[in-house]
Amino acid sequence: MNEEEEYSESAWTYMLLCVEPTVYEGFRFVRDLLFANVALRLMIQYIPLPHNIRHSLSLVIGSFLLYHCIGPPFIWTVGLTASAYILIILLSFVTKKWRGLLVSVFVISFLLLCEVHILHPKLWQQIRGIQMIAAMKIISVAIELDRDLFKKMLNPVEFGGYLLCPANSVIGPWISYHHYNNYLEVKFLNKTWVKLIVVDLLVSVFFLTLSNCIVPWYIDDSLPKWLIAYRDAQAFRMSHYFISRMSMLSMTSAGFGLTNDCRSEVQVTKPFFIELPRSLVQVVIYWNIPMHQWLKHYVFKTCQPYGKFFAIFITYAVSSLLHGWNFQFSAVLLSIGTFSYIEYNIRLKVAQTFEVCCLANPCVKQCDHKHKKNSILAIITNTIFSIITIIHLAYLGVMFEASFSVQESGYSYFHTISKWENLDYFSHILAGFLYVIYVLI
């Protein structure tokens, strides 16, 4: 047997040994989500239920699903839900204007106290994502109450059903209360629904297989460090696409995010625009679309009357704090914000100076640039910025590659710095260089 045949055989063996358990674990994880959400949808579909009973079903099934997924620690989510509702009720007797701010401070403080002082790091990592989704829901309700978007105060069953809804309490995505309430009213059941579930399931398992088996295999450890960084960052991105698609599956199986004619309205991420990015600005938008919408609608717009810089700073701060008291997340988010700001402004200046269609976001309506998007100058300019964005993605994403023990207990300051030091702090230096060019143009 020659070397090529041996390599092919070993590669095939590796794929079998990796893909089979990966697919098995993927299906095992989705089994409970499907069971809980399909059960909720079938009861809503076939049994004429009063308004509060539908919310009660969402609350009860969601609570059982959370307990089954994370065990006794689910009490922390229930506790956050109950305490936040009590606080909203008490504040409503005092003020109709500051509930959003005060509840936001309470919720974020609760999360930070749990992470830093109360819970063990391993336990916190287990429930962090669930708590973040719950926090986003609570804050959105409080702010919408301040904006008079509710006809009356939510009762405990409505609030609890929204917070603990099985469709999105475990892995997201965030949806507003009004969308949640509307989805409980939607009634349909046809073959298209089943097809959507099957497609979401297959696509999510495909991304999981890419993350665990394909991407780590196709670039060898002996290759240059930047290729290894790109590989590790891409594996992390594939795992993100898996979770994002799994969250869509969770929503779809409950009949959430679907219209009466069974068309999907929910989109969590856009892998194509991230893997082949036009700009880092678009990556930020399409990485987690519901999260971006939440930050824009409830944080940025709320703070915008106090100045654009203040609104941007508070949006970054809230995003960082929701992700936890973690140097790595804060450093990555701050870097993304800085890199995006520099890129947005330098592209704007290049577009104005040379009349070329190279803005961070493509021209939606009539393009007034002299050099349109299909011109040679525009293609070259946009390609250069796309390559820079891919470099940034490798640089920022590589630090999420770590051993299981590190992921389980959380990323440290030294882990972050060592990853960037290995890449010679290239993206930060490049961003500084681009900023100098922006100033000089």
Protein backbone atom coordinates (compact mmCIF):
# COMPACT_ATOMS: atom_id res chain seq x y z
CA MET A 1 0.00 0.00 0.00
CA ASN A 2 1.49 3.35 -1.06
CA GLU A 3 1.48 6.54 1.03
CA GLU A 4 -1.49 8.06 -0.79
CA GLU A 5 -3.65 5.00 -0.14
CA GLU A 6 -2.57 4.91 3.50
CA TYR A 7 -3.47 8.60 3.88
CA SER A 8 -6.89 8.07 2.27
CA GLU A 9 -7.60 5.09 4.50
CA SER A 10 -6.51 6.89 7.68
CA ALA A 11 -8.55 9.96 6.72
CA TRP A 12 -11.64 7.84 6.12
CA THR A 13 -11.12 6.02 9.42
CA TYR A 14 -10.77 9.35 11.23
CA MET A 15 -13.98 10.61 9.67
CA LEU A 16 -15.91 7.52 10.72
CA LEU A 17 -14.55 7.62 14.27
CA CYS A 18 -15.38 11.33 14.59
CA VAL A 19 -18.57 11.78 12.58
CA GLU A 20 -20.54 8.89 14.08
CA PRO A 21 -20.30 9.97 17.76
CA THR A 22 -20.68 13.63 16.76
CA VAL A 23 -23.93 12.98 14.88
CA TYR A 24 -25.15 10.77 17.73
CA GLU A 25 -24.51 13.49 20.32
CA GLY A 26 -26.16 16.06 18.07
CA PHE A 27 -29.34 14.00 17.78
CA ARG A 28 -29.28 13.20 21.51
CA PHE A 29 -29.08 16.90 22.34
CA VAL A 30 -31.93 17.84 20.02
CA ARG A 31 -34.21 15.00 21.16
CA ASP A 32 -35.41 16.75 24.32
CA LEU A 33 -35.84 20.11 22.57
CA LEU A 34 -37.96 18.50 19.88
CA PHE A 35 -40.10 16.52 22.31
CA ALA A 36 -40.90 19.53 24.52
CA ASN A 37 -41.60 21.96 21.69
CA VAL A 38 -43.60 19.60 19.48
CA ALA A 39 -45.71 18.71 22.53
CA LEU A 40 -46.38 22.41 23.15
CA ARG A 41 -47.31 23.01 19.51
CA LEU A 42 -49.65 20.01 19.28
CA MET A 43 -51.54 21.03 22.43
CA ILE A 44 -51.90 24.60 21.18
CA GLN A 45 -52.92 23.33 17.75
CA TYR A 46 -55.61 20.81 18.67
CA ILE A 47 -56.93 21.84 22.07
CA PRO A 48 -58.94 25.07 22.39
CA LEU A 49 -57.21 26.68 25.36
CA PRO A 50 -57.83 29.98 27.15
CA HIS A 51 -55.16 32.67 26.95
CA ASN A 52 -53.64 32.05 30.39
CA ILE A 53 -53.65 28.26 29.97
CA ARG A 54 -51.49 28.57 26.84
CA HIS A 55 -49.01 30.67 28.78
CA SER A 56 -49.16 28.19 31.67
CA LEU A 57 -48.31 25.35 29.29
CA SER A 58 -45.32 27.31 28.03
CA LEU A 59 -44.21 27.97 31.61
CA VAL A 60 -44.59 24.36 32.81
CA ILE A 61 -43.09 22.65 29.76
CA GLY A 62 -40.25 25.16 29.68
CA SER A 63 -39.50 24.58 33.36
CA PHE A 64 -39.38 20.82 32.89
CA LEU A 65 -37.12 21.22 29.84
CA LEU A 66 -34.72 23.48 31.73
CA TYR A 67 -34.60 21.05 34.65
CA HIS A 68 -33.96 18.15 32.31
CA CYS A 69 -31.16 20.05 30.52
CA ILE A 70 -29.26 21.55 33.46
CA GLY A 71 -30.74 19.93 36.57
CA PRO A 72 -31.19 21.76 39.92
CA PRO A 73 -29.31 24.92 38.74
CA PHE A 74 -32.45 25.77 36.75
CA ILE A 75 -33.69 27.29 40.02
CA TRP A 76 -31.38 30.26 39.34
CA THR A 77 -33.32 31.05 36.16
CA VAL A 78 -36.63 30.62 37.97
CA GLY A 79 -35.33 32.83 40.79
CA LEU A 80 -34.22 35.54 38.35
CA THR A 81 -37.62 35.41 36.64
CA ALA A 82 -39.61 35.66 39.88
CA SER A 83 -37.47 38.38 41.48
CA ALA A 84 -37.48 40.48 38.29
CA TYR A 85 -41.28 40.28 38.04
CA ILE A 86 -41.70 41.32 41.68
CA LEU A 87 -39.32 44.23 41.13
CA ILE A 88 -41.23 45.38 38.02
CA ILE A 89 -44.52 45.28 39.96
CA LEU A 90 -43.07 47.26 42.87
CA LEU A 91 -41.47 49.84 40.58
CA SER A 92 -44.75 50.27 38.70
CA PHE A 93 -46.30 51.70 41.89
CA VAL A 94 -43.52 54.29 42.10
CA THR A 95 -42.58 55.27 38.53
CA LYS A 96 -43.66 54.73 34.94
CA LYS A 97 -40.44 56.05 33.44
CA TRP A 98 -37.39 54.43 35.05
CA ARG A 99 -38.40 50.77 35.18
CA GLY A 100 -36.22 49.86 32.20
CA LEU A 101 -33.08 51.40 33.68
CA LEU A 102 -33.60 50.12 37.24
CA VAL A 103 -34.53 46.59 36.15
CA SER A 104 -31.55 46.50 33.77
CA VAL A 105 -29.18 47.47 36.60
CA PHE A 106 -30.74 44.83 38.87
CA VAL A 107 -30.59 42.04 36.27
CA ILE A 108 -27.00 42.73 35.19
CA SER A 109 -25.91 43.05 38.83
CA PHE A 110 -27.59 39.73 39.59
CA LEU A 111 -25.70 38.04 36.74
CA LEU A 112 -22.36 39.51 37.84
CA LEU A 113 -22.87 38.53 41.48
CA CYS A 114 -23.73 34.97 40.46
CA GLU A 115 -20.66 34.74 38.26
CA VAL A 116 -18.12 36.39 40.56
CA HIS A 117 -19.22 35.60 44.11
CA ILE A 118 -22.04 33.08 44.34
CA LEU A 119 -21.72 30.26 41.81
CA HIS A 120 -18.81 27.97 41.01
CA PRO A 121 -17.23 28.85 37.61
CA LYS A 122 -18.11 25.45 36.13
CA LEU A 123 -21.74 25.79 37.23
CA TRP A 124 -21.92 29.35 35.88
CA GLN A 125 -20.58 28.30 32.48
CA GLN A 126 -23.32 25.68 32.39
CA ILE A 127 -26.16 28.18 32.86
CA ARG A 128 -24.62 31.42 31.54
CA GLY A 129 -26.33 31.34 28.13
CA ILE A 130 -29.71 30.53 29.66
CA GLN A 131 -29.38 33.40 32.14
CA MET A 132 -28.36 35.80 29.37
CA ILE A 133 -31.47 34.99 27.30
CA ALA A 134 -33.66 35.44 30.40
CA ALA A 135 -31.97 38.77 31.18
CA MET A 136 -32.58 40.05 27.64
CA LYS A 137 -36.26 39.13 27.89
CA ILE A 138 -36.67 40.81 31.28
CA ILE A 139 -34.98 44.04 30.16
CA SER A 140 -37.02 44.18 26.94
CA VAL A 141 -40.29 43.85 28.89
CA ALA A 142 -39.28 46.57 31.37
CA ILE A 143 -38.29 49.00 28.60
CA GLU A 144 -41.46 48.30 26.60
CA LEU A 145 -43.50 48.99 29.74
CA ASP A 146 -41.80 52.40 29.94
CA ARG A 147 -42.69 52.97 26.27
CA ASP A 148 -46.38 52.13 26.95
CA LEU A 149 -46.33 49.22 24.49
CA PHE A 150 -48.51 47.06 26.75
CA LYS A 151 -52.23 47.64 27.23
CA LYS A 152 -51.92 46.38 30.80
CA MET A 153 -49.35 44.89 33.14
CA LEU A 154 -48.40 41.29 32.33
CA ASN A 155 -49.73 38.79 34.83
CA PRO A 156 -47.32 36.25 36.42
CA VAL A 157 -48.34 33.46 34.04
CA GLU A 158 -47.77 35.60 30.93
CA PHE A 159 -44.40 36.81 32.22
CA GLY A 160 -43.29 33.33 33.33
CA GLY A 161 -44.47 31.72 30.10
CA TYR A 162 -42.46 34.23 28.09
CA LEU A 163 -39.30 33.88 30.20
CA LEU A 164 -39.35 30.07 30.40
CA CYS A 165 -40.82 29.30 26.98
CA PRO A 166 -39.28 26.00 25.75
CA ALA A 167 -38.90 27.38 22.22
CA ASN A 168 -36.04 29.69 23.20
CA SER A 169 -35.23 29.51 26.92
CA VAL A 170 -32.38 27.00 26.52
CA ILE A 171 -30.35 28.20 23.52
CA GLY A 172 -32.30 31.22 22.29
CA PRO A 173 -32.90 33.14 20.15
CA TRP A 174 -34.36 36.19 21.86
CA ILE A 175 -37.78 37.31 20.66
CA SER A 176 -39.96 40.09 22.04
CA TYR A 177 -42.97 39.35 24.24
CA HIS A 178 -45.34 40.55 21.51
CA HIS A 179 -43.90 38.08 19.00
CA TYR A 180 -44.05 35.30 21.60
CA ASN A 181 -47.69 36.09 22.32
CA ASN A 182 -48.58 36.18 18.62
CA TYR A 183 -46.87 32.85 17.96
CA LEU A 184 -49.04 31.24 20.64
CA GLU A 185 -52.06 32.32 18.57
CA VAL A 186 -50.78 30.98 15.24
CA LYS A 187 -52.41 27.70 14.21
CA PHE A 188 -51.18 25.50 11.40
CA LEU A 189 -50.09 21.93 10.85
CA ASN A 190 -48.91 20.69 7.47
CA LYS A 191 -46.08 18.91 5.72
CA THR A 192 -44.12 22.14 5.31
CA TRP A 193 -43.72 22.36 9.11
CA VAL A 194 -42.22 18.87 9.22
CA LYS A 195 -39.93 19.68 6.28
CA LEU A 196 -38.67 22.82 8.04
CA ILE A 197 -37.89 20.79 11.17
CA VAL A 198 -35.99 18.16 9.17
CA VAL A 199 -34.01 20.79 7.24
CA ASP A 200 -33.04 22.68 10.42
CA LEU A 201 -32.02 19.41 12.07
CA LEU A 202 -29.84 18.26 9.16
CA VAL A 203 -28.21 21.67 8.69
CA SER A 204 -27.42 22.00 12.40
CA VAL A 205 -25.84 18.53 12.54
CA PHE A 206 -23.89 19.38 9.37
CA PHE A 207 -22.37 22.44 11.07
CA LEU A 208 -21.61 20.37 14.17
CA THR A 209 -19.78 17.82 12.02
CA LEU A 210 -17.82 20.59 10.32
CA SER A 211 -16.85 22.05 13.69
CA ASN A 212 -15.77 18.80 15.33
CA CYS A 213 -14.48 16.70 12.45
CA ILE A 214 -13.92 18.42 9.10
CA VAL A 215 -12.43 21.83 9.94
CA PRO A 216 -9.90 20.58 12.56
CA TRP A 217 -8.72 17.94 10.08
CA TYR A 218 -8.16 19.81 6.80
CA ILE A 219 -5.41 22.13 8.11
CA ASP A 220 -2.52 20.33 9.79
CA ASP A 221 -0.77 21.56 12.95
CA SER A 222 2.53 21.70 11.06
CA LEU A 223 1.33 24.54 8.80
CA PRO A 224 2.02 28.28 9.47
CA LYS A 225 0.44 29.72 12.60
CA TRP A 226 -1.96 31.99 10.72
CA LEU A 227 -3.49 29.03 8.88
CA ILE A 228 -3.83 27.22 12.21
CA ALA A 229 -5.43 30.35 13.69
CA TYR A 230 -7.86 30.52 10.76
CA ARG A 231 -8.69 26.83 11.25
CA ASP A 232 -9.34 27.15 14.97
CA ALA A 233 -11.40 30.32 14.51
CA GLN A 234 -13.44 28.69 11.75
CA ALA A 235 -14.11 25.64 13.92
CA PHE A 236 -15.45 28.00 16.58
CA ARG A 237 -17.62 29.77 14.00
CA MET A 238 -19.04 26.45 12.82
CA SER A 239 -20.00 25.58 16.39
CA HIS A 240 -21.76 28.95 16.58
CA TYR A 241 -23.68 28.16 13.38
CA PHE A 242 -24.66 24.81 14.91
CA ILE A 243 -26.11 26.46 18.02
CA SER A 244 -27.79 29.15 15.91
CA ARG A 245 -29.44 26.62 13.63
CA MET A 246 -30.38 24.47 16.61
CA SER A 247 -32.12 27.50 18.13
CA MET A 248 -34.05 27.91 14.88
CA LEU A 249 -35.00 24.22 15.10
CA SER A 250 -36.22 24.75 18.66
CA MET A 251 -38.37 27.68 17.54
CA THR A 252 -39.69 25.92 14.44
CA SER A 253 -40.66 22.74 16.28
CA ALA A 254 -42.77 24.85 18.67
CA GLY A 255 -44.35 26.65 15.72
CA PHE A 256 -42.65 29.90 16.71
CA GLY A 257 -41.25 32.21 14.07
CA LEU A 258 -43.73 30.84 11.54
CA THR A 259 -46.62 32.53 9.78
CA ASN A 260 -50.09 31.01 9.28
CA ASP A 261 -48.97 29.67 5.89
CA CYS A 262 -45.90 28.11 7.56
CA ARG A 263 -43.18 30.46 6.35
CA SER A 264 -40.21 31.03 8.64
CA GLU A 265 -39.72 34.60 9.89
CA VAL A 266 -36.74 33.97 12.17
CA GLN A 267 -33.12 34.16 11.07
CA VAL A 268 -30.39 33.91 13.70
CA THR A 269 -27.19 34.12 11.65
CA LYS A 270 -25.96 34.30 8.05
CA PRO A 271 -22.88 32.05 7.65
CA PHE A 272 -22.21 33.09 4.04
CA PHE A 273 -21.82 36.77 4.97
CA ILE A 274 -19.46 35.80 7.80
CA GLU A 275 -17.26 33.28 5.99
CA LEU A 276 -17.01 35.52 2.90
CA PRO A 277 -17.45 38.92 4.56
CA ARG A 278 -17.73 42.26 2.87
CA SER A 279 -16.88 44.05 6.11
CA LEU A 280 -16.50 43.53 9.84
CA VAL A 281 -19.58 45.72 10.27
CA GLN A 282 -21.66 43.12 8.43
CA VAL A 283 -20.12 40.32 10.51
CA VAL A 284 -21.24 42.12 13.67
CA ILE A 285 -24.79 42.39 12.32
CA TYR A 286 -25.12 38.86 10.95
CA TRP A 287 -23.26 37.01 13.73
CA ASN A 288 -26.34 37.04 15.97
CA ILE A 289 -29.18 38.93 14.33
CA PRO A 290 -31.65 38.81 17.27
CA MET A 291 -28.93 39.97 19.69
CA HIS A 292 -28.00 42.81 17.33
CA GLN A 293 -31.65 43.84 17.05
CA TRP A 294 -32.07 43.71 20.84
CA LEU A 295 -29.00 45.89 21.46
CA LYS A 296 -30.04 48.35 18.76
CA HIS A 297 -33.69 48.60 19.80
CA TYR A 298 -33.45 48.54 23.60
CA VAL A 299 -29.98 49.91 24.37
CA PHE A 300 -28.67 52.07 21.52
CA LYS A 301 -31.96 53.82 20.70
CA THR A 302 -32.73 54.33 24.39
CA CYS A 303 -29.38 56.06 24.93
CA GLN A 304 -29.23 57.88 21.57
CA PRO A 305 -30.85 61.12 22.87
CA TYR A 306 -27.79 61.54 25.13
CA GLY A 307 -25.33 61.48 22.23
CA LYS A 308 -24.08 58.94 19.70
CA PHE A 309 -20.78 58.26 21.46
CA PHE A 310 -22.58 57.67 24.77
CA ALA A 311 -25.05 55.33 23.06
CA ILE A 312 -22.24 53.31 21.45
CA PHE A 313 -20.32 53.10 24.74
CA ILE A 314 -23.35 51.93 26.74
CA THR A 315 -24.24 49.40 24.02
CA TYR A 316 -20.73 47.95 24.24
CA ALA A 317 -20.86 47.95 28.05
CA VAL A 318 -24.24 46.19 28.21
CA SER A 319 -23.18 43.61 25.61
CA SER A 320 -19.97 42.89 27.55
CA LEU A 321 -21.71 42.64 30.92
CA LEU A 322 -24.41 40.33 29.55
CA HIS A 323 -21.66 38.00 28.35
CA GLY A 324 -20.17 38.06 31.84
CA TRP A 325 -17.32 39.43 33.91
CA ASN A 326 -14.83 37.94 31.52
CA PHE A 327 -11.70 39.62 30.20
CA GLN A 328 -11.74 37.58 27.02
CA PHE A 329 -15.27 38.50 25.95
CA SER A 330 -14.73 42.14 26.90
CA ALA A 331 -11.42 42.29 25.02
CA VAL A 332 -12.92 40.67 21.92
CA LEU A 333 -16.01 42.89 21.94
CA LEU A 334 -13.93 46.03 22.48
CA SER A 335 -11.57 44.99 19.67
CA ILE A 336 -14.47 44.26 17.32
CA GLY A 337 -16.02 47.63 18.13
CA THR A 338 -12.73 49.46 17.55
CA PHE A 339 -11.87 47.58 14.35
CA SER A 340 -15.41 48.10 13.00
CA TYR A 341 -15.35 51.82 13.79
CA ILE A 342 -12.01 52.30 12.01
CA GLU A 343 -13.10 50.21 9.03
CA TYR A 344 -16.43 52.00 8.68
CA ASN A 345 -14.83 55.44 8.69
CA ILE A 346 -11.88 54.65 6.42
CA ARG A 347 -14.21 53.04 3.86
CA LEU A 348 -16.48 56.07 4.03
CA LYS A 349 -13.53 58.37 3.42
CA VAL A 350 -12.17 56.24 0.55
CA ALA A 351 -15.64 56.14 -1.03
CA GLN A 352 -15.98 59.93 -0.81
CA THR A 353 -12.43 60.70 -1.95
CA PHE A 354 -12.21 58.29 -4.89
CA GLU A 355 -15.96 58.01 -5.67
CA VAL A 356 -15.84 54.23 -5.41
CA CYS A 357 -18.61 51.93 -4.13
CA CYS A 358 -16.76 50.47 -1.14
CA LEU A 359 -18.83 51.39 1.93
CA ALA A 360 -19.02 48.94 4.83
CA ASN A 361 -22.62 48.21 3.80
CA PRO A 362 -23.40 47.96 0.07
CA CYS A 363 -25.52 50.63 -1.56
CA VAL A 364 -29.13 49.47 -1.23
CA LYS A 365 -30.87 51.99 -3.47
CA GLN A 366 -29.40 53.96 -6.34
CA CYS A 367 -25.59 53.98 -6.17
CA ASP A 368 -24.27 57.51 -6.73
CA HIS A 369 -20.60 56.53 -6.83
CA LYS A 370 -18.67 57.06 -10.05
CA HIS A 371 -17.06 53.62 -9.77
CA LYS A 372 -19.94 51.17 -9.28
CA LYS A 373 -19.70 47.89 -7.38
CA ASN A 374 -18.75 45.92 -10.52
CA SER A 375 -15.93 48.26 -11.54
CA ILE A 376 -12.34 47.04 -11.25
CA LEU A 377 -11.48 49.66 -8.62
CA ALA A 378 -14.49 48.76 -6.47
CA ILE A 379 -13.80 45.01 -6.73
CA ILE A 380 -10.13 45.44 -5.77
CA THR A 381 -10.94 47.80 -2.88
CA ASN A 382 -13.70 45.59 -1.47
CA THR A 383 -11.54 42.48 -1.85
CA ILE A 384 -8.74 44.11 0.17
CA PHE A 385 -11.15 45.01 2.97
CA SER A 386 -12.66 41.50 2.86
CA ILE A 387 -9.20 39.96 3.31
CA ILE A 388 -8.55 42.31 6.24
CA THR A 389 -11.86 41.21 7.80
CA ILE A 390 -10.94 37.52 7.39
CA ILE A 391 -7.62 38.24 9.14
CA HIS A 392 -9.49 39.96 11.98
CA LEU A 393 -11.86 36.98 12.29
CA ALA A 394 -8.94 34.56 12.60
CA TYR A 395 -7.21 36.83 15.11
CA LEU A 396 -10.30 37.33 17.28
CA GLY A 397 -11.74 33.83 16.97
CA VAL A 398 -8.59 31.84 17.71
CA MET A 399 -8.80 32.47 21.45
CA PHE A 400 -12.05 30.53 21.71
CA GLU A 401 -10.09 27.40 20.85
CA ALA A 402 -9.09 25.81 24.15
CA SER A 403 -9.15 22.58 26.11
CA PHE A 404 -12.44 21.42 27.60
CA SER A 405 -11.29 22.25 31.13
CA VAL A 406 -10.54 25.85 30.12
CA GLN A 407 -13.92 26.22 28.38
CA GLU A 408 -15.70 24.68 31.37
CA SER A 409 -14.19 27.05 33.95
CA GLY A 410 -13.96 30.15 31.74
CA TYR A 411 -11.22 31.90 29.80
CA SER A 412 -8.53 33.76 31.74
CA TYR A 413 -6.62 36.96 31.03
CA PHE A 414 -3.44 34.98 30.33
CA HIS A 415 -5.21 32.71 27.83
CA THR A 416 -6.35 35.74 25.82
CA ILE A 417 -3.02 37.54 25.85
CA SER A 418 -1.06 34.39 24.96
CA LYS A 419 -3.23 33.79 21.89
CA TRP A 420 -2.76 37.35 20.63
CA GLU A 421 0.92 37.36 21.53
CA ASN A 422 1.40 34.24 19.41
CA LEU A 423 0.00 36.21 16.45
CA ASP A 424 2.21 39.24 17.27
CA TYR A 425 -0.83 41.44 18.05
CA PHE A 426 -1.11 41.79 14.28
CA SER A 427 -4.76 42.89 14.03
CA HIS A 428 -4.37 45.59 16.65
CA ILE A 429 -1.28 46.92 14.87
CA LEU A 430 -3.09 46.73 11.52
CA ALA A 431 -6.07 48.62 12.96
CA GLY A 432 -3.73 51.34 14.24
CA PHE A 433 -2.08 51.57 10.83
CA LEU A 434 -5.48 51.90 9.10
CA TYR A 435 -6.50 54.61 11.55
CA VAL A 436 -3.38 56.60 10.66
CA ILE A 437 -4.28 56.25 6.97
CA TYR A 438 -7.83 57.39 7.75
CA VAL A 439 -6.50 60.52 9.48
CA LEU A 440 -4.11 61.29 6.61
CA ILE A 441 -6.57 60.86 3.73
